[in-house]
């Protein structure tokens, strides 16, 4: 995938912030690319988070805890998928018969609001809060 120089610069600037957020995800929990992007803010999007996770070199970044919004692994290649699944299962994350993770059970709803505020991050709405108002 080609990426514009502007997007590449933004990714380079945001990658450390993406990694800092991912380090907050506790063992046995998962988050989505989109949720990490929302927490980071500053123009970050799910694709940037995916690119950052694909390029992570720091063993302290638990890249395996970031999955897609459907609750499935998006890692390219069978070996990467197998490694990610094994790491998650070792942490107690359970996959259903369709290879999905129940986000209501294992999903992480973002960092502590105080930590987020102190470090310049956003918070996510609670599970029961609508993300946008309804029409009626």
N, C-alpha and C. Protein backbone atom coordinates (compact mmCIF):
# COMPACT_ATOMS: atom_id res chain seq x y z
N UNK A 1 0.84 -1.17 0.00
CA UNK A 1 0.00 0.00 0.00
C UNK A 1 0.88 1.24 0.00
N UNK A 2 0.66 2.12 -0.94
CA UNK A 2 1.39 3.37 -0.98
C UNK A 2 0.77 4.34 0.01
N UNK A 3 1.64 5.10 0.66
CA UNK A 3 1.20 6.06 1.65
C UNK A 3 1.82 7.41 1.29
N UNK A 4 1.03 8.45 1.37
CA UNK A 4 1.53 9.77 1.01
C UNK A 4 2.62 10.20 1.99
N UNK A 5 3.49 11.10 1.56
CA UNK A 5 4.53 11.60 2.48
C UNK A 5 3.93 12.25 3.73
N UNK A 6 2.80 12.92 3.57
CA UNK A 6 2.15 13.57 4.72
C UNK A 6 1.66 12.51 5.71
N UNK A 7 1.04 11.45 5.18
CA UNK A 7 0.55 10.38 6.05
C UNK A 7 1.72 9.66 6.71
N UNK A 8 2.80 9.47 5.98
CA UNK A 8 3.99 8.82 6.54
C UNK A 8 4.56 9.66 7.68
N UNK A 9 4.63 10.98 7.49
CA UNK A 9 5.12 11.86 8.55
C UNK A 9 4.22 11.79 9.79
N UNK A 10 2.90 11.79 9.56
CA UNK A 10 1.96 11.70 10.68
C UNK A 10 2.12 10.37 11.41
N UNK A 11 2.25 9.29 10.65
CA UNK A 11 2.44 7.97 11.26
C UNK A 11 3.72 7.94 12.10
N UNK A 12 4.78 8.51 11.55
CA UNK A 12 6.05 8.53 12.28
C UNK A 12 5.90 9.33 13.58
N UNK A 13 5.16 10.40 13.54
CA UNK A 13 4.96 11.23 14.73
C UNK A 13 4.05 10.55 15.75
N UNK A 14 3.03 9.84 15.25
CA UNK A 14 2.04 9.24 16.15
C UNK A 14 2.41 7.84 16.64
N UNK A 15 3.31 7.15 15.98
CA UNK A 15 3.66 5.78 16.38
C UNK A 15 4.05 5.68 17.85
N UNK A 16 4.89 6.56 18.40
CA UNK A 16 5.20 6.44 19.83
C UNK A 16 3.96 6.58 20.72
N UNK A 17 3.03 7.43 20.32
CA UNK A 17 1.80 7.60 21.09
C UNK A 17 0.91 6.35 20.97
N UNK A 18 0.87 5.78 19.77
CA UNK A 18 0.11 4.54 19.57
C UNK A 18 0.68 3.45 20.48
N UNK A 19 2.01 3.31 20.48
CA UNK A 19 2.65 2.29 21.30
C UNK A 19 2.39 2.53 22.79
N UNK A 20 2.40 3.79 23.20
CA UNK A 20 2.15 4.11 24.61
C UNK A 20 0.74 3.67 25.02
N UNK A 21 -0.23 3.88 24.14
CA UNK A 21 -1.60 3.45 24.44
C UNK A 21 -1.67 1.93 24.49
N UNK A 22 -1.11 1.26 23.51
CA UNK A 22 -1.17 -0.21 23.46
C UNK A 22 -0.51 -0.82 24.70
N UNK A 23 0.52 -0.19 25.22
CA UNK A 23 1.16 -0.69 26.44
C UNK A 23 0.22 -0.65 27.64
N UNK A 24 -0.84 0.13 27.57
CA UNK A 24 -1.80 0.22 28.67
C UNK A 24 -2.80 -0.94 28.70
N UNK A 25 -2.92 -1.67 27.58
CA UNK A 25 -3.89 -2.77 27.49
C UNK A 25 -3.40 -3.91 28.38
N UNK A 26 -4.19 -4.29 29.38
CA UNK A 26 -3.72 -5.33 30.30
C UNK A 26 -3.77 -6.73 29.69
N UNK A 27 -2.97 -7.63 30.22
CA UNK A 27 -3.02 -9.03 29.76
C UNK A 27 -4.45 -9.57 29.90
N UNK A 28 -4.83 -10.39 28.93
CA UNK A 28 -6.16 -10.99 28.96
C UNK A 28 -7.25 -10.09 28.40
N UNK A 29 -6.88 -8.94 27.86
CA UNK A 29 -7.83 -8.01 27.27
C UNK A 29 -7.35 -7.67 25.86
N UNK A 30 -8.28 -7.20 25.04
CA UNK A 30 -7.95 -6.77 23.69
C UNK A 30 -8.59 -5.41 23.43
N UNK A 31 -8.08 -4.75 22.43
CA UNK A 31 -8.66 -3.50 21.96
C UNK A 31 -8.66 -3.54 20.44
N UNK A 32 -9.31 -2.58 19.83
CA UNK A 32 -9.36 -2.56 18.37
C UNK A 32 -8.47 -1.46 17.81
N UNK A 33 -8.13 -1.62 16.54
CA UNK A 33 -7.34 -0.59 15.86
C UNK A 33 -8.06 0.75 15.94
N UNK A 34 -9.36 0.73 15.72
CA UNK A 34 -10.15 1.96 15.75
C UNK A 34 -10.20 2.60 17.12
N UNK A 35 -10.31 1.78 18.17
CA UNK A 35 -10.33 2.35 19.52
C UNK A 35 -8.99 2.99 19.87
N UNK A 36 -7.90 2.35 19.50
CA UNK A 36 -6.58 2.94 19.75
C UNK A 36 -6.48 4.28 19.01
N UNK A 37 -6.93 4.31 17.76
CA UNK A 37 -6.89 5.56 16.99
C UNK A 37 -7.71 6.65 17.66
N UNK A 38 -8.88 6.29 18.16
CA UNK A 38 -9.74 7.27 18.82
C UNK A 38 -9.07 7.79 20.10
N UNK A 39 -8.42 6.93 20.84
CA UNK A 39 -7.73 7.34 22.07
C UNK A 39 -6.57 8.27 21.73
N UNK A 40 -5.81 7.94 20.69
CA UNK A 40 -4.66 8.76 20.30
C UNK A 40 -5.12 10.12 19.76
N UNK A 41 -6.19 10.12 18.95
CA UNK A 41 -6.66 11.38 18.37
C UNK A 41 -5.66 11.95 17.38
N UNK A 42 -5.63 13.26 17.23
CA UNK A 42 -4.65 13.96 16.39
C UNK A 42 -4.61 13.49 14.94
N UNK A 43 -5.73 13.02 14.40
CA UNK A 43 -5.75 12.57 13.02
C UNK A 43 -5.38 11.11 12.83
N UNK A 44 -5.17 10.40 13.92
CA UNK A 44 -4.84 8.98 13.84
C UNK A 44 -6.07 8.20 13.36
N UNK A 45 -5.85 7.18 12.55
CA UNK A 45 -6.95 6.32 12.13
C UNK A 45 -6.54 4.85 12.28
N UNK A 46 -7.51 3.97 12.09
CA UNK A 46 -7.28 2.54 12.31
C UNK A 46 -6.16 2.00 11.43
N UNK A 47 -6.06 2.49 10.20
CA UNK A 47 -4.99 2.01 9.31
C UNK A 47 -3.62 2.39 9.83
N UNK A 48 -3.51 3.58 10.40
CA UNK A 48 -2.23 4.00 10.98
C UNK A 48 -1.86 3.09 12.15
N UNK A 49 -2.85 2.76 12.96
CA UNK A 49 -2.58 1.86 14.08
C UNK A 49 -2.12 0.51 13.55
N UNK A 50 -2.78 0.01 12.51
CA UNK A 50 -2.36 -1.25 11.90
C UNK A 50 -0.94 -1.19 11.37
N UNK A 51 -0.60 -0.10 10.72
CA UNK A 51 0.77 0.07 10.21
C UNK A 51 1.77 0.12 11.34
N UNK A 52 1.42 0.83 12.41
CA UNK A 52 2.32 0.91 13.56
C UNK A 52 2.51 -0.46 14.21
N UNK A 53 1.42 -1.24 14.31
CA UNK A 53 1.53 -2.56 14.91
C UNK A 53 2.37 -3.49 14.04
N UNK A 54 2.25 -3.35 12.73
CA UNK A 54 3.04 -4.19 11.82
C UNK A 54 4.52 -3.86 11.90
N UNK A 55 4.85 -2.63 12.31
CA UNK A 55 6.24 -2.19 12.34
C UNK A 55 6.85 -2.21 13.73
N UNK A 56 6.08 -2.60 14.75
CA UNK A 56 6.57 -2.52 16.13
C UNK A 56 7.83 -3.37 16.30
N UNK A 57 8.81 -2.79 16.97
CA UNK A 57 10.07 -3.49 17.26
C UNK A 57 10.26 -3.68 18.77
N UNK A 58 9.61 -2.85 19.57
CA UNK A 58 9.75 -2.86 21.01
C UNK A 58 9.02 -4.07 21.61
N UNK A 59 9.73 -4.99 22.25
CA UNK A 59 9.07 -6.17 22.82
C UNK A 59 8.12 -5.83 23.97
N UNK A 60 8.17 -4.60 24.47
CA UNK A 60 7.28 -4.16 25.55
C UNK A 60 5.90 -3.77 25.03
N UNK A 61 5.75 -3.65 23.70
CA UNK A 61 4.45 -3.30 23.12
C UNK A 61 3.68 -4.59 22.85
N UNK A 62 2.56 -4.81 23.55
CA UNK A 62 1.80 -6.04 23.36
C UNK A 62 0.91 -5.99 22.12
N UNK A 63 1.53 -6.02 20.96
CA UNK A 63 0.85 -5.88 19.67
C UNK A 63 -0.27 -6.89 19.50
N UNK A 64 -0.12 -8.05 20.13
CA UNK A 64 -1.11 -9.12 19.95
C UNK A 64 -2.47 -8.73 20.51
N UNK A 65 -2.54 -7.73 21.37
CA UNK A 65 -3.79 -7.33 22.01
C UNK A 65 -4.62 -6.38 21.16
N UNK A 66 -4.17 -6.08 19.95
CA UNK A 66 -4.91 -5.19 19.06
C UNK A 66 -5.50 -6.03 17.93
N UNK A 67 -6.83 -5.99 17.82
CA UNK A 67 -7.55 -6.78 16.83
C UNK A 67 -8.52 -5.87 16.08
N UNK A 68 -9.24 -6.43 15.12
CA UNK A 68 -10.18 -5.60 14.37
C UNK A 68 -11.52 -5.49 15.09
N UNK A 69 -12.37 -4.62 14.60
CA UNK A 69 -13.65 -4.32 15.25
C UNK A 69 -14.63 -5.49 15.20
N UNK A 70 -14.38 -6.48 14.35
CA UNK A 70 -15.23 -7.67 14.30
C UNK A 70 -14.84 -8.69 15.37
N UNK A 71 -13.75 -8.39 16.08
CA UNK A 71 -13.29 -9.32 17.11
C UNK A 71 -12.39 -10.41 16.57
N UNK A 72 -11.82 -10.18 15.39
CA UNK A 72 -10.95 -11.19 14.80
C UNK A 72 -9.54 -10.63 14.59
N UNK A 73 -8.62 -11.53 14.37
CA UNK A 73 -7.23 -11.17 14.11
C UNK A 73 -7.09 -10.72 12.66
N UNK A 74 -6.32 -9.66 12.46
CA UNK A 74 -6.11 -9.13 11.10
C UNK A 74 -4.69 -9.28 10.62
N UNK A 75 -3.84 -9.94 11.38
CA UNK A 75 -2.45 -10.09 11.01
C UNK A 75 -2.33 -10.78 9.65
N UNK A 76 -1.45 -10.29 8.83
CA UNK A 76 -1.23 -10.92 7.53
C UNK A 76 -0.41 -12.19 7.69
N UNK A 77 -0.80 -13.20 6.98
CA UNK A 77 -0.05 -14.44 6.98
C UNK A 77 -0.46 -15.38 8.10
N UNK A 78 -0.45 -16.65 7.80
CA UNK A 78 -0.88 -17.68 8.76
C UNK A 78 0.00 -17.72 10.00
N UNK A 79 1.30 -17.57 9.82
CA UNK A 79 2.20 -17.64 10.97
C UNK A 79 1.94 -16.50 11.94
N UNK A 80 1.73 -15.29 11.42
CA UNK A 80 1.43 -14.15 12.28
C UNK A 80 0.12 -14.33 13.02
N UNK A 81 -0.89 -14.86 12.32
CA UNK A 81 -2.18 -15.10 12.95
C UNK A 81 -2.05 -16.15 14.05
N UNK A 82 -1.32 -17.21 13.77
CA UNK A 82 -1.14 -18.28 14.75
C UNK A 82 -0.40 -17.75 15.98
N UNK A 83 0.64 -16.97 15.78
CA UNK A 83 1.40 -16.40 16.88
C UNK A 83 0.53 -15.49 17.73
N UNK A 84 -0.26 -14.63 17.07
CA UNK A 84 -1.12 -13.71 17.80
C UNK A 84 -2.16 -14.49 18.62
N UNK A 85 -2.76 -15.46 18.00
CA UNK A 85 -3.77 -16.27 18.69
C UNK A 85 -3.16 -16.99 19.89
N UNK A 86 -2.00 -17.60 19.70
CA UNK A 86 -1.34 -18.32 20.79
C UNK A 86 -1.03 -17.39 21.97
N UNK A 87 -0.56 -16.20 21.65
CA UNK A 87 -0.24 -15.24 22.71
C UNK A 87 -1.50 -14.81 23.47
N UNK A 88 -2.56 -14.57 22.73
CA UNK A 88 -3.81 -14.17 23.38
C UNK A 88 -4.39 -15.31 24.22
N UNK A 89 -4.40 -16.51 23.68
CA UNK A 89 -4.91 -17.65 24.44
C UNK A 89 -4.08 -17.89 25.71
N UNK A 90 -2.77 -17.68 25.63
CA UNK A 90 -1.92 -17.84 26.80
C UNK A 90 -2.28 -16.83 27.89
N UNK A 91 -2.87 -15.70 27.49
CA UNK A 91 -3.30 -14.67 28.44
C UNK A 91 -4.72 -14.92 28.93
N UNK A 92 -5.37 -15.97 28.41
CA UNK A 92 -6.72 -16.28 28.85
C UNK A 92 -7.83 -15.79 27.95
N UNK A 93 -7.49 -15.20 26.81
CA UNK A 93 -8.50 -14.73 25.86
C UNK A 93 -9.05 -15.95 25.12
N UNK A 94 -10.37 -16.00 24.99
CA UNK A 94 -11.05 -17.14 24.39
C UNK A 94 -11.59 -16.76 23.02
N UNK A 95 -11.41 -17.65 22.06
CA UNK A 95 -11.96 -17.51 20.72
C UNK A 95 -13.18 -18.41 20.60
N UNK A 96 -14.21 -17.95 19.89
CA UNK A 96 -15.38 -18.80 19.70
C UNK A 96 -15.18 -19.69 18.47
N UNK A 97 -16.19 -20.43 18.09
CA UNK A 97 -16.09 -21.37 16.97
C UNK A 97 -15.83 -20.66 15.64
N UNK A 98 -16.13 -19.36 15.57
CA UNK A 98 -15.89 -18.59 14.35
C UNK A 98 -14.59 -17.80 14.42
N UNK A 99 -13.73 -18.15 15.38
CA UNK A 99 -12.44 -17.49 15.59
C UNK A 99 -12.58 -16.02 15.96
N UNK A 100 -13.63 -15.70 16.69
CA UNK A 100 -13.87 -14.34 17.14
C UNK A 100 -13.68 -14.25 18.66
N UNK A 101 -13.32 -13.06 19.08
CA UNK A 101 -13.19 -12.75 20.50
C UNK A 101 -14.39 -11.90 20.90
N UNK A 102 -15.01 -12.24 22.00
CA UNK A 102 -16.16 -11.48 22.51
C UNK A 102 -15.63 -10.17 23.09
N UNK A 103 -15.87 -9.07 22.36
CA UNK A 103 -15.36 -7.78 22.80
C UNK A 103 -16.03 -7.28 24.07
N UNK A 104 -17.27 -7.69 24.32
CA UNK A 104 -17.91 -7.28 25.57
C UNK A 104 -17.24 -7.95 26.77
N UNK A 105 -16.75 -9.14 26.57
CA UNK A 105 -16.10 -9.87 27.66
C UNK A 105 -14.62 -9.53 27.79
N UNK A 106 -13.91 -9.46 26.66
CA UNK A 106 -12.46 -9.28 26.69
C UNK A 106 -12.00 -7.89 26.25
N UNK A 107 -12.93 -7.07 25.79
CA UNK A 107 -12.56 -5.76 25.29
C UNK A 107 -12.12 -4.79 26.38
N UNK A 108 -11.10 -4.04 26.10
CA UNK A 108 -10.57 -3.01 26.99
C UNK A 108 -11.17 -1.69 26.56
N UNK A 109 -11.73 -0.94 27.48
CA UNK A 109 -12.41 0.31 27.14
C UNK A 109 -11.53 1.53 27.31
N UNK A 110 -10.25 1.34 27.18
CA UNK A 110 -9.34 2.48 27.17
C UNK A 110 -8.69 2.73 28.51
N UNK A 111 -7.77 3.66 28.49
CA UNK A 111 -6.98 3.93 29.70
C UNK A 111 -7.82 4.62 30.78
N UNK A 112 -7.28 4.59 31.97
CA UNK A 112 -7.87 5.32 33.08
C UNK A 112 -8.01 6.79 32.66
N UNK A 113 -9.17 7.39 32.89
CA UNK A 113 -9.37 8.79 32.46
C UNK A 113 -8.32 9.76 33.01
N UNK A 114 -7.87 9.53 34.23
CA UNK A 114 -6.85 10.42 34.79
C UNK A 114 -5.53 10.28 34.03
N UNK A 115 -5.14 9.03 33.75
CA UNK A 115 -3.91 8.80 32.97
C UNK A 115 -4.05 9.44 31.59
N UNK A 116 -5.20 9.22 30.95
CA UNK A 116 -5.43 9.78 29.62
C UNK A 116 -5.29 11.30 29.64
N UNK A 117 -5.89 11.93 30.60
CA UNK A 117 -5.83 13.39 30.71
C UNK A 117 -4.40 13.87 30.93
N UNK A 118 -3.69 13.22 31.81
CA UNK A 118 -2.32 13.60 32.11
C UNK A 118 -1.38 13.44 30.92
N UNK A 119 -1.70 12.50 30.04
CA UNK A 119 -0.82 12.22 28.90
C UNK A 119 -1.35 12.74 27.57
N UNK A 120 -2.46 13.46 27.60
CA UNK A 120 -2.99 14.07 26.38
C UNK A 120 -3.72 13.13 25.45
N UNK A 121 -4.40 12.13 26.02
CA UNK A 121 -5.16 11.18 25.22
C UNK A 121 -6.65 11.37 25.44
N UNK A 122 -7.43 10.77 24.55
CA UNK A 122 -8.88 10.78 24.65
C UNK A 122 -9.33 9.56 25.46
N UNK A 123 -10.59 9.56 25.87
CA UNK A 123 -11.17 8.36 26.48
C UNK A 123 -12.28 7.86 25.56
N UNK A 124 -12.68 6.63 25.77
CA UNK A 124 -13.75 6.03 24.98
C UNK A 124 -15.04 6.08 25.78
N UNK A 125 -16.18 6.13 25.09
CA UNK A 125 -17.44 6.06 25.83
C UNK A 125 -17.60 4.68 26.46
N UNK A 126 -18.34 4.62 27.56
CA UNK A 126 -18.61 3.33 28.20
C UNK A 126 -19.42 2.47 27.24
N UNK A 127 -19.40 1.16 27.46
CA UNK A 127 -20.11 0.23 26.57
C UNK A 127 -21.56 0.60 26.39
N UNK A 128 -22.21 1.07 27.48
CA UNK A 128 -23.63 1.33 27.40
C UNK A 128 -23.96 2.74 26.92
N UNK A 129 -22.96 3.57 26.66
CA UNK A 129 -23.19 4.91 26.14
C UNK A 129 -23.22 4.85 24.62
N UNK A 130 -24.23 5.44 23.99
CA UNK A 130 -24.21 5.47 22.52
C UNK A 130 -23.10 6.40 22.04
N UNK A 131 -22.47 6.00 20.93
CA UNK A 131 -21.38 6.81 20.39
C UNK A 131 -21.91 8.02 19.64
N UNK A 132 -23.15 7.95 19.22
CA UNK A 132 -23.76 9.10 18.57
C UNK A 132 -25.24 9.10 18.92
N UNK A 133 -25.85 10.27 18.96
CA UNK A 133 -27.26 10.32 19.33
C UNK A 133 -28.15 9.64 18.28
N UNK A 134 -29.23 9.03 18.76
CA UNK A 134 -30.19 8.41 17.86
C UNK A 134 -31.10 9.46 17.24
N UNK A 135 -31.87 9.06 16.27
CA UNK A 135 -32.80 9.98 15.62
C UNK A 135 -34.06 10.22 16.44
N UNK A 136 -34.40 9.26 17.28
CA UNK A 136 -35.66 9.38 18.03
C UNK A 136 -35.42 9.23 19.50
